[in-house]
N, C-alpha and C. Protein backbone atom coordinates (compact mmCIF):
# COMPACT_ATOMS: atom_id res chain seq x y z
N UNK A 1 -27.80 -20.40 30.77
CA UNK A 1 -28.86 -20.15 31.76
C UNK A 1 -28.84 -21.27 32.80
N UNK A 2 -29.02 -20.96 34.08
CA UNK A 2 -28.97 -21.98 35.11
C UNK A 2 -30.08 -23.00 34.96
N UNK A 3 -29.80 -24.23 35.40
CA UNK A 3 -30.80 -25.29 35.29
C UNK A 3 -31.98 -25.01 36.22
N UNK A 4 -31.70 -24.55 37.43
CA UNK A 4 -32.75 -24.21 38.38
C UNK A 4 -33.00 -22.71 38.33
N UNK A 5 -34.10 -22.32 37.68
CA UNK A 5 -34.40 -20.90 37.48
C UNK A 5 -35.18 -20.35 38.66
N UNK A 6 -34.83 -19.12 39.05
CA UNK A 6 -35.58 -18.43 40.08
C UNK A 6 -36.73 -17.67 39.47
N UNK A 7 -37.54 -16.99 40.27
CA UNK A 7 -38.72 -16.27 39.76
C UNK A 7 -38.36 -15.13 38.83
N UNK A 8 -37.13 -14.58 38.95
CA UNK A 8 -36.76 -13.45 38.10
C UNK A 8 -36.63 -13.85 36.63
N UNK A 9 -36.36 -15.13 36.35
CA UNK A 9 -36.18 -15.57 34.96
C UNK A 9 -37.50 -15.60 34.19
N UNK A 10 -38.62 -15.50 34.88
CA UNK A 10 -39.92 -15.45 34.20
C UNK A 10 -40.17 -14.11 33.53
N UNK A 11 -39.33 -13.12 33.81
CA UNK A 11 -39.53 -11.77 33.28
C UNK A 11 -38.50 -11.40 32.21
N UNK A 12 -37.75 -12.39 31.75
CA UNK A 12 -36.77 -12.17 30.68
C UNK A 12 -36.83 -13.31 29.68
N UNK A 13 -36.23 -13.06 28.53
CA UNK A 13 -36.10 -14.08 27.49
C UNK A 13 -34.62 -14.31 27.23
N UNK A 14 -34.23 -15.56 27.14
CA UNK A 14 -32.84 -15.88 26.84
C UNK A 14 -32.61 -15.73 25.34
N UNK A 15 -31.87 -14.70 24.96
CA UNK A 15 -31.61 -14.44 23.55
C UNK A 15 -30.56 -15.39 23.01
N UNK A 16 -29.47 -15.56 23.73
CA UNK A 16 -28.41 -16.49 23.33
C UNK A 16 -27.87 -17.17 24.57
N UNK A 17 -27.73 -18.48 24.47
CA UNK A 17 -27.27 -19.27 25.61
C UNK A 17 -25.86 -19.78 25.40
N UNK A 18 -25.12 -19.12 24.51
CA UNK A 18 -23.74 -19.54 24.26
C UNK A 18 -22.83 -18.95 25.34
N UNK A 19 -23.16 -19.26 26.60
CA UNK A 19 -22.44 -18.67 27.72
C UNK A 19 -21.01 -19.17 27.81
N UNK A 20 -20.73 -20.32 27.19
CA UNK A 20 -19.37 -20.85 27.25
C UNK A 20 -18.39 -19.97 26.50
N UNK A 21 -18.88 -19.17 25.55
CA UNK A 21 -18.00 -18.30 24.76
C UNK A 21 -17.75 -16.97 25.46
N UNK A 22 -18.44 -16.70 26.55
CA UNK A 22 -18.30 -15.43 27.25
C UNK A 22 -17.38 -15.60 28.45
N UNK A 23 -16.63 -14.56 28.78
CA UNK A 23 -15.68 -14.68 29.89
C UNK A 23 -16.35 -14.96 31.22
N UNK A 24 -17.56 -14.41 31.42
CA UNK A 24 -18.25 -14.60 32.69
C UNK A 24 -19.20 -15.79 32.68
N UNK A 25 -19.27 -16.50 31.56
CA UNK A 25 -20.17 -17.65 31.43
C UNK A 25 -21.62 -17.29 31.73
N UNK A 26 -22.06 -16.13 31.24
CA UNK A 26 -23.42 -15.67 31.46
C UNK A 26 -24.12 -15.49 30.12
N UNK A 27 -25.42 -15.81 30.04
CA UNK A 27 -26.15 -15.69 28.78
C UNK A 27 -26.58 -14.25 28.50
N UNK A 28 -26.95 -13.99 27.25
CA UNK A 28 -27.56 -12.71 26.87
C UNK A 28 -29.06 -12.84 27.03
N UNK A 29 -29.66 -11.93 27.79
CA UNK A 29 -31.08 -12.00 28.07
C UNK A 29 -31.76 -10.70 27.69
N UNK A 30 -33.08 -10.76 27.51
CA UNK A 30 -33.86 -9.59 27.10
C UNK A 30 -35.07 -9.44 28.01
N UNK A 31 -35.27 -8.23 28.51
CA UNK A 31 -36.41 -7.93 29.38
C UNK A 31 -37.70 -8.00 28.57
N UNK A 32 -38.72 -8.65 29.09
CA UNK A 32 -39.97 -8.80 28.35
C UNK A 32 -40.82 -7.53 28.42
N UNK A 33 -40.43 -6.56 29.24
CA UNK A 33 -41.21 -5.34 29.38
C UNK A 33 -40.66 -4.20 28.52
N UNK A 34 -39.35 -3.97 28.62
CA UNK A 34 -38.77 -2.85 27.87
C UNK A 34 -37.88 -3.30 26.71
N UNK A 35 -37.76 -4.63 26.51
CA UNK A 35 -36.97 -5.22 25.41
C UNK A 35 -35.48 -4.91 25.51
N UNK A 36 -35.01 -4.48 26.63
CA UNK A 36 -33.58 -4.19 26.79
C UNK A 36 -32.81 -5.50 26.88
N UNK A 37 -31.68 -5.57 26.16
CA UNK A 37 -30.83 -6.74 26.18
C UNK A 37 -29.58 -6.47 27.02
N UNK A 38 -29.19 -7.47 27.78
CA UNK A 38 -27.97 -7.34 28.59
C UNK A 38 -27.47 -8.73 28.96
N UNK A 39 -26.22 -8.78 29.33
CA UNK A 39 -25.60 -10.02 29.76
C UNK A 39 -25.63 -10.08 31.29
N UNK A 40 -26.06 -11.20 31.83
CA UNK A 40 -26.10 -11.31 33.28
C UNK A 40 -26.89 -12.50 33.75
N UNK A 41 -27.06 -12.55 35.08
CA UNK A 41 -27.81 -13.62 35.71
C UNK A 41 -28.92 -13.07 36.57
N UNK A 42 -29.28 -13.83 37.59
CA UNK A 42 -30.42 -13.48 38.44
C UNK A 42 -30.22 -12.13 39.14
N UNK A 43 -29.00 -11.85 39.58
CA UNK A 43 -28.74 -10.61 40.30
C UNK A 43 -28.98 -9.38 39.42
N UNK A 44 -28.52 -9.45 38.17
CA UNK A 44 -28.70 -8.31 37.25
C UNK A 44 -30.16 -8.18 36.82
N UNK A 45 -30.85 -9.30 36.71
CA UNK A 45 -32.27 -9.23 36.35
C UNK A 45 -33.06 -8.51 37.45
N UNK A 46 -32.82 -8.92 38.70
CA UNK A 46 -33.51 -8.25 39.81
C UNK A 46 -33.14 -6.78 39.89
N UNK A 47 -31.86 -6.48 39.67
CA UNK A 47 -31.42 -5.10 39.71
C UNK A 47 -32.07 -4.26 38.62
N UNK A 48 -32.26 -4.85 37.44
CA UNK A 48 -32.90 -4.14 36.34
C UNK A 48 -34.37 -3.87 36.65
N UNK A 49 -35.03 -4.82 37.30
CA UNK A 49 -36.45 -4.67 37.58
C UNK A 49 -36.73 -3.69 38.71
N UNK A 50 -35.82 -3.59 39.68
CA UNK A 50 -36.06 -2.70 40.83
C UNK A 50 -35.27 -1.41 40.75
N UNK A 51 -34.34 -1.31 39.77
CA UNK A 51 -33.58 -0.08 39.62
C UNK A 51 -32.37 0.03 40.53
N UNK A 52 -31.65 -1.07 40.71
CA UNK A 52 -30.44 -1.06 41.53
C UNK A 52 -29.28 -0.52 40.69
N UNK A 53 -28.74 0.64 41.06
CA UNK A 53 -27.68 1.28 40.28
C UNK A 53 -26.36 0.52 40.37
N UNK A 54 -26.21 -0.35 41.34
CA UNK A 54 -24.94 -1.06 41.52
C UNK A 54 -24.65 -2.02 40.38
N UNK A 55 -25.68 -2.45 39.67
CA UNK A 55 -25.46 -3.43 38.60
C UNK A 55 -25.12 -2.78 37.27
N UNK A 56 -25.19 -1.46 37.19
CA UNK A 56 -24.83 -0.75 35.97
C UNK A 56 -25.90 -0.74 34.90
N UNK A 57 -27.16 -0.98 35.28
CA UNK A 57 -28.27 -0.96 34.33
C UNK A 57 -29.34 0.02 34.81
N UNK A 58 -30.03 0.63 33.85
CA UNK A 58 -31.14 1.50 34.20
C UNK A 58 -32.35 0.64 34.57
N UNK A 59 -33.20 1.22 35.41
CA UNK A 59 -34.40 0.51 35.80
C UNK A 59 -35.34 0.36 34.62
N UNK A 60 -36.00 -0.77 34.55
CA UNK A 60 -36.97 -1.01 33.50
C UNK A 60 -38.11 0.01 33.63
N UNK A 61 -38.39 0.72 32.56
CA UNK A 61 -39.39 1.79 32.60
C UNK A 61 -40.82 1.27 32.47
N UNK A 62 -40.97 0.01 32.10
CA UNK A 62 -42.31 -0.53 31.85
C UNK A 62 -42.68 -1.68 32.78
N UNK A 63 -41.85 -1.94 33.76
CA UNK A 63 -42.14 -3.06 34.67
C UNK A 63 -43.36 -2.72 35.53
N UNK A 64 -44.31 -3.64 35.68
CA UNK A 64 -45.48 -3.38 36.53
C UNK A 64 -45.07 -3.15 37.99
N UNK A 65 -45.83 -2.31 38.65
CA UNK A 65 -45.51 -1.99 40.04
C UNK A 65 -45.53 -3.22 40.93
N UNK A 66 -46.44 -4.14 40.68
CA UNK A 66 -46.55 -5.32 41.52
C UNK A 66 -45.32 -6.21 41.39
N UNK A 67 -44.74 -6.25 40.18
CA UNK A 67 -43.52 -7.03 39.96
C UNK A 67 -42.34 -6.38 40.65
N UNK A 68 -42.22 -5.05 40.49
CA UNK A 68 -41.12 -4.33 41.13
C UNK A 68 -41.19 -4.45 42.65
N UNK A 69 -42.39 -4.35 43.20
CA UNK A 69 -42.56 -4.46 44.66
C UNK A 69 -42.17 -5.85 45.15
N UNK A 70 -42.51 -6.86 44.36
CA UNK A 70 -42.18 -8.23 44.74
C UNK A 70 -40.68 -8.43 44.84
N UNK A 71 -39.95 -7.93 43.84
CA UNK A 71 -38.50 -8.14 43.84
C UNK A 71 -37.78 -7.18 44.79
N UNK A 72 -38.40 -6.06 45.09
CA UNK A 72 -37.85 -5.19 46.14
C UNK A 72 -37.90 -5.90 47.49
N UNK A 73 -38.98 -6.61 47.72
CA UNK A 73 -39.12 -7.37 48.96
C UNK A 73 -38.11 -8.51 49.02
N UNK A 74 -37.92 -9.20 47.88
CA UNK A 74 -36.95 -10.30 47.82
C UNK A 74 -35.54 -9.78 48.06
N UNK A 75 -35.20 -8.67 47.42
CA UNK A 75 -33.86 -8.10 47.56
C UNK A 75 -33.63 -7.60 48.98
N UNK A 76 -34.65 -7.01 49.58
CA UNK A 76 -34.53 -6.53 50.95
C UNK A 76 -34.27 -7.69 51.91
N UNK A 77 -34.98 -8.80 51.72
CA UNK A 77 -34.79 -9.97 52.57
C UNK A 77 -33.40 -10.57 52.35
N UNK A 78 -32.95 -10.58 51.08
CA UNK A 78 -31.62 -11.13 50.79
C UNK A 78 -30.54 -10.31 51.48
N UNK A 79 -30.65 -8.99 51.42
CA UNK A 79 -29.67 -8.13 52.07
C UNK A 79 -29.72 -8.28 53.58
N UNK A 80 -30.93 -8.45 54.11
CA UNK A 80 -31.07 -8.64 55.56
C UNK A 80 -30.42 -9.94 56.01
N UNK A 81 -30.64 -11.02 55.24
CA UNK A 81 -30.02 -12.30 55.56
C UNK A 81 -28.51 -12.22 55.46
N UNK A 82 -28.02 -11.51 54.44
CA UNK A 82 -26.58 -11.35 54.28
C UNK A 82 -25.99 -10.56 55.45
N UNK A 83 -26.71 -9.54 55.90
CA UNK A 83 -26.25 -8.74 57.03
C UNK A 83 -26.19 -9.59 58.30
N UNK A 84 -27.20 -10.45 58.49
CA UNK A 84 -27.21 -11.32 59.66
C UNK A 84 -26.04 -12.29 59.63
N UNK A 85 -25.72 -12.82 58.45
CA UNK A 85 -24.58 -13.73 58.33
C UNK A 85 -23.28 -13.02 58.66
N UNK A 86 -23.14 -11.80 58.18
CA UNK A 86 -21.94 -11.02 58.48
C UNK A 86 -21.83 -10.75 59.97
N UNK A 87 -22.95 -10.42 60.61
CA UNK A 87 -22.93 -10.18 62.05
C UNK A 87 -22.59 -11.45 62.81
N UNK A 88 -23.09 -12.60 62.33
CA UNK A 88 -22.79 -13.87 62.98
C UNK A 88 -21.30 -14.19 62.90
N UNK A 89 -20.71 -13.92 61.73
CA UNK A 89 -19.27 -14.15 61.57
C UNK A 89 -18.49 -13.26 62.54
N UNK A 90 -18.92 -12.00 62.66
CA UNK A 90 -18.25 -11.08 63.58
C UNK A 90 -18.36 -11.57 65.03
N UNK A 91 -19.54 -12.06 65.40
CA UNK A 91 -19.74 -12.54 66.76
C UNK A 91 -18.82 -13.73 67.05
N UNK A 92 -18.70 -14.65 66.09
CA UNK A 92 -17.82 -15.81 66.27
C UNK A 92 -16.38 -15.37 66.41
N UNK A 93 -15.95 -14.43 65.57
CA UNK A 93 -14.59 -13.93 65.65
C UNK A 93 -14.34 -13.22 66.98
N UNK A 94 -15.30 -12.42 67.40
CA UNK A 94 -15.14 -11.69 68.66
C UNK A 94 -15.18 -12.62 69.86
N UNK A 95 -15.93 -13.71 69.75
CA UNK A 95 -15.97 -14.68 70.84
C UNK A 95 -14.61 -15.34 71.02
N UNK A 96 -13.92 -15.60 69.92
CA UNK A 96 -12.58 -16.18 70.02
C UNK A 96 -11.61 -15.21 70.69
N UNK A 97 -11.80 -13.91 70.43
CA UNK A 97 -10.97 -12.88 71.09
C UNK A 97 -11.23 -12.89 72.59
N UNK A 98 -12.50 -13.02 72.96
CA UNK A 98 -12.86 -13.06 74.39
C UNK A 98 -12.30 -14.30 75.06
N UNK A 99 -12.43 -15.47 74.40
CA UNK A 99 -11.94 -16.71 75.00
C UNK A 99 -10.43 -16.71 75.16
N UNK A 100 -9.74 -16.05 74.22
CA UNK A 100 -8.28 -15.99 74.29
C UNK A 100 -7.78 -14.88 75.20
N UNK A 101 -8.70 -14.09 75.76
CA UNK A 101 -8.36 -12.98 76.65
C UNK A 101 -7.41 -11.99 75.97
N UNK A 102 -7.76 -11.65 74.77
CA UNK A 102 -6.95 -10.68 74.03
C UNK A 102 -7.43 -9.27 74.33
N UNK A 103 -6.52 -8.31 74.25
CA UNK A 103 -6.88 -6.92 74.46
C UNK A 103 -7.35 -6.64 75.87
N UNK A 104 -8.47 -5.95 75.97
CA UNK A 104 -9.02 -5.57 77.28
C UNK A 104 -9.35 -6.78 78.14
N UNK A 105 -9.77 -7.87 77.51
CA UNK A 105 -10.19 -9.05 78.26
C UNK A 105 -9.04 -9.69 79.05
N UNK A 106 -7.82 -9.39 78.68
CA UNK A 106 -6.68 -9.97 79.39
C UNK A 106 -6.11 -9.09 80.47
N UNK A 107 -6.65 -7.91 80.63
CA UNK A 107 -6.13 -6.99 81.65
C UNK A 107 -6.53 -7.45 83.05
N UNK A 108 -5.64 -7.28 84.02
CA UNK A 108 -5.93 -7.71 85.40
C UNK A 108 -7.20 -7.07 85.96
N UNK A 109 -7.44 -5.81 85.62
CA UNK A 109 -8.63 -5.14 86.13
C UNK A 109 -9.91 -5.81 85.64
N UNK A 110 -9.94 -6.17 84.34
CA UNK A 110 -11.12 -6.82 83.78
C UNK A 110 -11.33 -8.20 84.39
N UNK A 111 -10.24 -8.93 84.59
CA UNK A 111 -10.34 -10.27 85.17
C UNK A 111 -10.82 -10.20 86.61
N UNK A 112 -10.30 -9.23 87.36
CA UNK A 112 -10.71 -9.08 88.76
C UNK A 112 -12.16 -8.61 88.86
N UNK A 113 -12.56 -7.70 87.98
CA UNK A 113 -13.93 -7.18 88.01
C UNK A 113 -14.95 -8.26 87.65
N UNK A 114 -14.55 -9.23 86.83
CA UNK A 114 -15.47 -10.29 86.43
C UNK A 114 -15.91 -11.14 87.61
N UNK A 115 -15.13 -11.15 88.68
CA UNK A 115 -15.46 -11.96 89.85
C UNK A 115 -16.46 -11.29 90.78
N UNK A 116 -16.63 -9.99 90.64
CA UNK A 116 -17.49 -9.26 91.57
C UNK A 116 -18.65 -8.53 90.89
N UNK A 117 -18.49 -8.11 89.64
CA UNK A 117 -19.52 -7.34 88.96
C UNK A 117 -20.58 -8.25 88.35
N UNK A 118 -21.84 -7.79 88.28
CA UNK A 118 -22.86 -8.53 87.52
C UNK A 118 -22.45 -8.65 86.06
N UNK A 119 -22.84 -9.75 85.44
CA UNK A 119 -22.39 -10.03 84.08
C UNK A 119 -22.69 -8.93 83.08
N UNK A 120 -23.92 -8.41 83.08
CA UNK A 120 -24.29 -7.40 82.08
C UNK A 120 -23.53 -6.10 82.30
N UNK A 121 -23.28 -5.75 83.58
CA UNK A 121 -22.53 -4.52 83.84
C UNK A 121 -21.06 -4.69 83.46
N UNK A 122 -20.54 -5.89 83.65
CA UNK A 122 -19.15 -6.15 83.26
C UNK A 122 -18.97 -5.98 81.76
N UNK A 123 -19.92 -6.53 80.98
CA UNK A 123 -19.83 -6.41 79.53
C UNK A 123 -20.03 -4.98 79.07
N UNK A 124 -20.85 -4.23 79.76
CA UNK A 124 -21.03 -2.81 79.42
C UNK A 124 -19.75 -2.02 79.67
N UNK A 125 -18.97 -2.44 80.66
CA UNK A 125 -17.75 -1.71 81.02
C UNK A 125 -16.54 -2.14 80.20
N UNK A 126 -16.45 -3.43 79.88
CA UNK A 126 -15.23 -3.94 79.25
C UNK A 126 -15.45 -4.56 77.87
N UNK A 127 -16.67 -4.54 77.35
CA UNK A 127 -16.94 -5.23 76.09
C UNK A 127 -16.92 -4.38 74.84
N UNK A 128 -16.45 -3.13 74.95
CA UNK A 128 -16.46 -2.24 73.77
C UNK A 128 -15.56 -2.74 72.66
N UNK A 129 -14.58 -3.57 72.98
CA UNK A 129 -13.67 -4.11 71.97
C UNK A 129 -14.41 -5.05 71.02
N UNK A 130 -15.48 -5.67 71.49
CA UNK A 130 -16.27 -6.60 70.68
C UNK A 130 -17.74 -6.15 70.71
N UNK A 131 -18.11 -5.14 69.93
CA UNK A 131 -19.45 -4.53 70.04
C UNK A 131 -20.61 -5.48 69.76
N UNK A 132 -20.48 -6.34 68.73
CA UNK A 132 -21.58 -7.26 68.42
C UNK A 132 -21.77 -8.28 69.54
N UNK A 133 -20.67 -8.83 70.04
CA UNK A 133 -20.75 -9.79 71.14
C UNK A 133 -21.21 -9.11 72.42
N UNK A 134 -20.79 -7.87 72.61
CA UNK A 134 -21.21 -7.12 73.79
C UNK A 134 -22.72 -6.93 73.82
N UNK A 135 -23.30 -6.61 72.68
CA UNK A 135 -24.74 -6.39 72.60
C UNK A 135 -25.51 -7.64 72.99
N UNK A 136 -25.07 -8.79 72.48
CA UNK A 136 -25.75 -10.05 72.80
C UNK A 136 -25.58 -10.40 74.27
N UNK A 137 -24.36 -10.25 74.78
CA UNK A 137 -24.07 -10.61 76.17
C UNK A 137 -24.89 -9.75 77.14
N UNK A 138 -24.99 -8.46 76.86
CA UNK A 138 -25.75 -7.57 77.75
C UNK A 138 -27.23 -7.95 77.75
N UNK A 139 -27.78 -8.25 76.58
CA UNK A 139 -29.20 -8.60 76.49
C UNK A 139 -29.49 -9.92 77.21
N UNK A 140 -28.59 -10.89 77.08
CA UNK A 140 -28.82 -12.19 77.71
C UNK A 140 -28.62 -12.12 79.22
N UNK A 141 -27.52 -11.51 79.65
CA UNK A 141 -27.17 -11.50 81.07
C UNK A 141 -28.01 -10.54 81.89
N UNK A 142 -28.69 -9.60 81.25
CA UNK A 142 -29.53 -8.65 81.99
C UNK A 142 -30.95 -9.16 82.20
N UNK A 143 -31.26 -10.33 81.64
CA UNK A 143 -32.59 -10.90 81.83
C UNK A 143 -32.75 -11.42 83.26
N UNK A 144 -33.95 -11.24 83.79
CA UNK A 144 -34.25 -11.69 85.15
C UNK A 144 -34.67 -13.15 85.10
N UNK A 145 -34.06 -13.98 85.92
CA UNK A 145 -34.41 -15.39 85.98
C UNK A 145 -35.53 -15.60 86.99
N UNK A 146 -36.34 -16.61 86.74
CA UNK A 146 -37.47 -16.88 87.62
C UNK A 146 -37.75 -18.38 87.65
N UNK A 147 -38.15 -18.86 88.81
CA UNK A 147 -38.51 -20.27 88.97
C UNK A 147 -40.03 -20.43 88.96
N UNK A 148 -40.73 -19.42 88.46
CA UNK A 148 -42.19 -19.46 88.48
C UNK A 148 -42.78 -20.65 87.75
N UNK A 149 -42.25 -20.95 86.57
CA UNK A 149 -42.78 -22.07 85.79
C UNK A 149 -42.59 -23.39 86.52
N UNK A 150 -41.41 -23.58 87.10
CA UNK A 150 -41.15 -24.81 87.86
C UNK A 150 -42.07 -24.91 89.06
N UNK A 151 -42.26 -23.79 89.75
CA UNK A 151 -43.10 -23.80 90.95
C UNK A 151 -44.55 -24.13 90.61
N UNK A 152 -45.00 -23.69 89.42
CA UNK A 152 -46.37 -24.03 89.02
C UNK A 152 -46.51 -25.52 88.82
N UNK A 153 -45.49 -26.15 88.20
CA UNK A 153 -45.52 -27.60 88.02
C UNK A 153 -45.46 -28.32 89.36
N UNK A 154 -44.64 -27.80 90.27
CA UNK A 154 -44.55 -28.43 91.60
C UNK A 154 -45.89 -28.33 92.32
N UNK A 155 -46.57 -27.20 92.18
CA UNK A 155 -47.88 -27.03 92.81
C UNK A 155 -48.87 -28.05 92.27
N UNK A 156 -48.85 -28.25 90.96
CA UNK A 156 -49.73 -29.25 90.35
C UNK A 156 -49.38 -30.64 90.84
N UNK A 157 -48.09 -30.93 90.94
CA UNK A 157 -47.63 -32.24 91.40
C UNK A 157 -48.07 -32.49 92.84
N UNK A 158 -47.93 -31.47 93.70
CA UNK A 158 -48.33 -31.61 95.10
C UNK A 158 -49.84 -31.85 95.23
N UNK A 159 -50.60 -31.22 94.34
CA UNK A 159 -52.05 -31.42 94.38
C UNK A 159 -52.43 -32.85 94.01
N UNK A 160 -51.73 -33.42 93.06
CA UNK A 160 -52.06 -34.77 92.58
C UNK A 160 -51.48 -35.84 93.49
N UNK A 161 -50.24 -35.67 93.90
CA UNK A 161 -49.56 -36.69 94.70
C UNK A 161 -49.77 -36.39 96.19
N UNK A 162 -50.95 -36.72 96.69
CA UNK A 162 -51.29 -36.49 98.10
C UNK A 162 -51.15 -37.79 98.88
N UNK A 163 -51.45 -37.73 100.17
CA UNK A 163 -51.36 -38.92 101.01
C UNK A 163 -52.34 -39.99 100.56
N UNK A 164 -53.46 -39.55 100.00
CA UNK A 164 -54.46 -40.50 99.53
C UNK A 164 -54.13 -41.07 98.16
N UNK A 165 -53.19 -40.42 97.48
CA UNK A 165 -52.84 -40.87 96.14
C UNK A 165 -51.32 -41.03 96.02
N UNK A 166 -50.72 -41.61 97.02
CA UNK A 166 -49.26 -41.73 97.01
C UNK A 166 -48.77 -43.03 96.41
N UNK A 167 -49.69 -43.85 95.93
CA UNK A 167 -49.29 -45.12 95.33
C UNK A 167 -49.23 -45.04 93.81
N UNK A 168 -49.41 -43.87 93.28
CA UNK A 168 -49.36 -43.71 91.82
C UNK A 168 -47.93 -43.90 91.32
N UNK A 169 -47.80 -44.56 90.19
CA UNK A 169 -46.48 -44.73 89.58
C UNK A 169 -45.99 -43.38 89.05
N UNK A 170 -44.69 -43.25 88.92
CA UNK A 170 -44.10 -41.97 88.48
C UNK A 170 -44.63 -41.56 87.11
N UNK A 171 -44.73 -42.53 86.18
CA UNK A 171 -45.21 -42.21 84.84
C UNK A 171 -46.67 -41.76 84.87
N UNK A 172 -47.45 -42.38 85.76
CA UNK A 172 -48.86 -42.01 85.87
C UNK A 172 -49.00 -40.58 86.38
N UNK A 173 -48.22 -40.25 87.42
CA UNK A 173 -48.25 -38.88 87.95
C UNK A 173 -47.82 -37.88 86.89
N UNK A 174 -46.78 -38.23 86.14
CA UNK A 174 -46.28 -37.33 85.10
C UNK A 174 -47.34 -37.07 84.05
N UNK A 175 -48.07 -38.11 83.65
CA UNK A 175 -49.12 -37.95 82.65
C UNK A 175 -50.26 -37.09 83.19
N UNK A 176 -50.63 -37.30 84.46
CA UNK A 176 -51.73 -36.53 85.04
C UNK A 176 -51.35 -35.05 85.14
N UNK A 177 -50.11 -34.79 85.57
CA UNK A 177 -49.64 -33.40 85.65
C UNK A 177 -49.66 -32.75 84.28
N UNK A 178 -49.21 -33.48 83.26
CA UNK A 178 -49.18 -32.95 81.90
C UNK A 178 -50.59 -32.63 81.41
N UNK A 179 -51.52 -33.54 81.65
CA UNK A 179 -52.91 -33.32 81.22
C UNK A 179 -53.52 -32.13 81.94
N UNK A 180 -53.28 -32.05 83.25
CA UNK A 180 -53.87 -30.95 84.03
C UNK A 180 -53.33 -29.60 83.57
N UNK A 181 -52.01 -29.52 83.33
CA UNK A 181 -51.42 -28.25 82.86
C UNK A 181 -51.97 -27.87 81.50
N UNK A 182 -52.14 -28.86 80.61
CA UNK A 182 -52.69 -28.57 79.29
C UNK A 182 -54.14 -28.10 79.38
N UNK A 183 -54.90 -28.68 80.30
CA UNK A 183 -56.28 -28.23 80.50
C UNK A 183 -56.32 -26.80 81.00
N UNK A 184 -55.36 -26.43 81.85
CA UNK A 184 -55.29 -25.04 82.31
C UNK A 184 -55.03 -24.09 81.14
N UNK A 185 -54.11 -24.49 80.26
CA UNK A 185 -53.80 -23.65 79.10
C UNK A 185 -55.01 -23.52 78.18
N UNK A 186 -55.72 -24.63 77.95
CA UNK A 186 -56.91 -24.60 77.09
C UNK A 186 -57.97 -23.68 77.69
N UNK A 187 -58.14 -23.75 79.01
CA UNK A 187 -59.12 -22.88 79.67
C UNK A 187 -58.77 -21.42 79.50
N UNK A 188 -57.47 -21.10 79.61
CA UNK A 188 -57.03 -19.71 79.44
C UNK A 188 -57.31 -19.22 78.02
N UNK A 189 -57.07 -20.10 77.04
CA UNK A 189 -57.25 -19.70 75.64
C UNK A 189 -58.73 -19.50 75.32
N UNK A 190 -59.58 -20.40 75.82
CA UNK A 190 -61.00 -20.35 75.50
C UNK A 190 -61.72 -19.23 76.25
N UNK A 191 -61.23 -18.87 77.43
CA UNK A 191 -61.87 -17.84 78.23
C UNK A 191 -61.34 -16.47 77.81
N UNK A 192 -62.11 -15.73 77.02
CA UNK A 192 -61.67 -14.44 76.51
C UNK A 192 -61.51 -13.43 77.64
N UNK A 193 -62.36 -13.51 78.64
CA UNK A 193 -62.33 -12.55 79.74
C UNK A 193 -61.43 -12.99 80.88
N UNK A 194 -60.51 -13.91 80.60
CA UNK A 194 -59.64 -14.42 81.65
C UNK A 194 -58.70 -13.32 82.14
N UNK A 195 -58.62 -13.15 83.45
CA UNK A 195 -57.76 -12.13 84.05
C UNK A 195 -56.77 -12.74 85.03
N UNK A 196 -57.25 -13.63 85.89
CA UNK A 196 -56.40 -14.19 86.93
C UNK A 196 -55.24 -14.96 86.33
N UNK A 197 -54.11 -14.92 87.01
CA UNK A 197 -52.91 -15.60 86.52
C UNK A 197 -53.03 -17.11 86.70
N UNK A 198 -53.69 -17.54 87.76
CA UNK A 198 -53.82 -18.97 88.02
C UNK A 198 -55.29 -19.37 87.98
N UNK A 199 -55.54 -20.61 87.64
CA UNK A 199 -56.89 -21.15 87.63
C UNK A 199 -57.12 -21.88 88.95
N UNK A 200 -58.21 -21.53 89.63
CA UNK A 200 -58.48 -22.13 90.93
C UNK A 200 -58.73 -23.62 90.79
N UNK A 201 -58.31 -24.34 91.81
CA UNK A 201 -58.61 -25.77 91.83
C UNK A 201 -60.12 -25.93 92.05
N UNK A 202 -60.62 -27.08 91.65
CA UNK A 202 -62.04 -27.35 91.86
C UNK A 202 -62.31 -27.46 93.36
N UNK A 203 -63.53 -27.14 93.74
CA UNK A 203 -63.87 -27.08 95.16
C UNK A 203 -63.77 -28.43 95.84
N UNK A 204 -63.87 -29.50 95.05
CA UNK A 204 -63.80 -30.83 95.64
C UNK A 204 -62.40 -31.40 95.53
N UNK A 205 -61.39 -30.52 95.58
CA UNK A 205 -60.01 -30.98 95.43
C UNK A 205 -59.62 -31.93 96.53
N UNK A 206 -60.19 -31.73 97.71
CA UNK A 206 -59.82 -32.56 98.86
C UNK A 206 -60.82 -33.69 99.09
N UNK A 207 -61.55 -34.03 98.03
CA UNK A 207 -62.53 -35.09 98.17
C UNK A 207 -61.84 -36.43 98.33
N UNK A 208 -62.60 -37.43 98.62
CA UNK A 208 -62.03 -38.76 98.88
C UNK A 208 -61.86 -39.58 97.62
N UNK A 209 -61.99 -38.95 96.42
CA UNK A 209 -61.85 -39.69 95.17
C UNK A 209 -60.42 -40.16 95.03
N UNK A 210 -60.23 -41.39 94.66
CA UNK A 210 -58.90 -41.96 94.46
C UNK A 210 -58.64 -42.11 92.98
N UNK A 211 -57.40 -41.86 92.60
CA UNK A 211 -56.99 -42.03 91.21
C UNK A 211 -56.08 -43.23 91.15
N UNK A 212 -56.46 -44.24 90.43
CA UNK A 212 -55.65 -45.46 90.35
C UNK A 212 -54.75 -45.40 89.14
């Protein structure tokens, strides 16, 4: 039996731990619900509890529904993570094909089109050889870029760094801009009925108050 036990081991009893005598080095275990004995590890225990036919065991007929649901969720997440890893490996492999200009990527037409076509349209036309990489490239390159966030910071900076307050040190201005932007965010969060995209400056924005 492994030294670090997972949650599935709480639902079985180790009948014999002479795993060194077995070809697979696995102990004989017994289900605490249906008393079925079998040789295996965590994977076979989960399969027995949820009824996975791939492990060659029948589903436990007496396992509580809450236990079965728990391990169904665990197994589903494990398979999803495994699928993501497989997709990641495929993307890495396909990226090497793209970088090496193999197949369609090395054709003169594809190379010439890359200089004139938008990125997402180019991948839609020539990326069928690498479907996983094509999907990512199309999603990334089809996004619309915007300088809105930067412009909002510049607007805040212009409001603070005026002719009357042009002697502020750079670090001081940076801190004031940061505080003002955070106050805007807090106001948006606290105001449930907030609709406007921007928060108006205070009416005395052009007052003669100096910030040292």
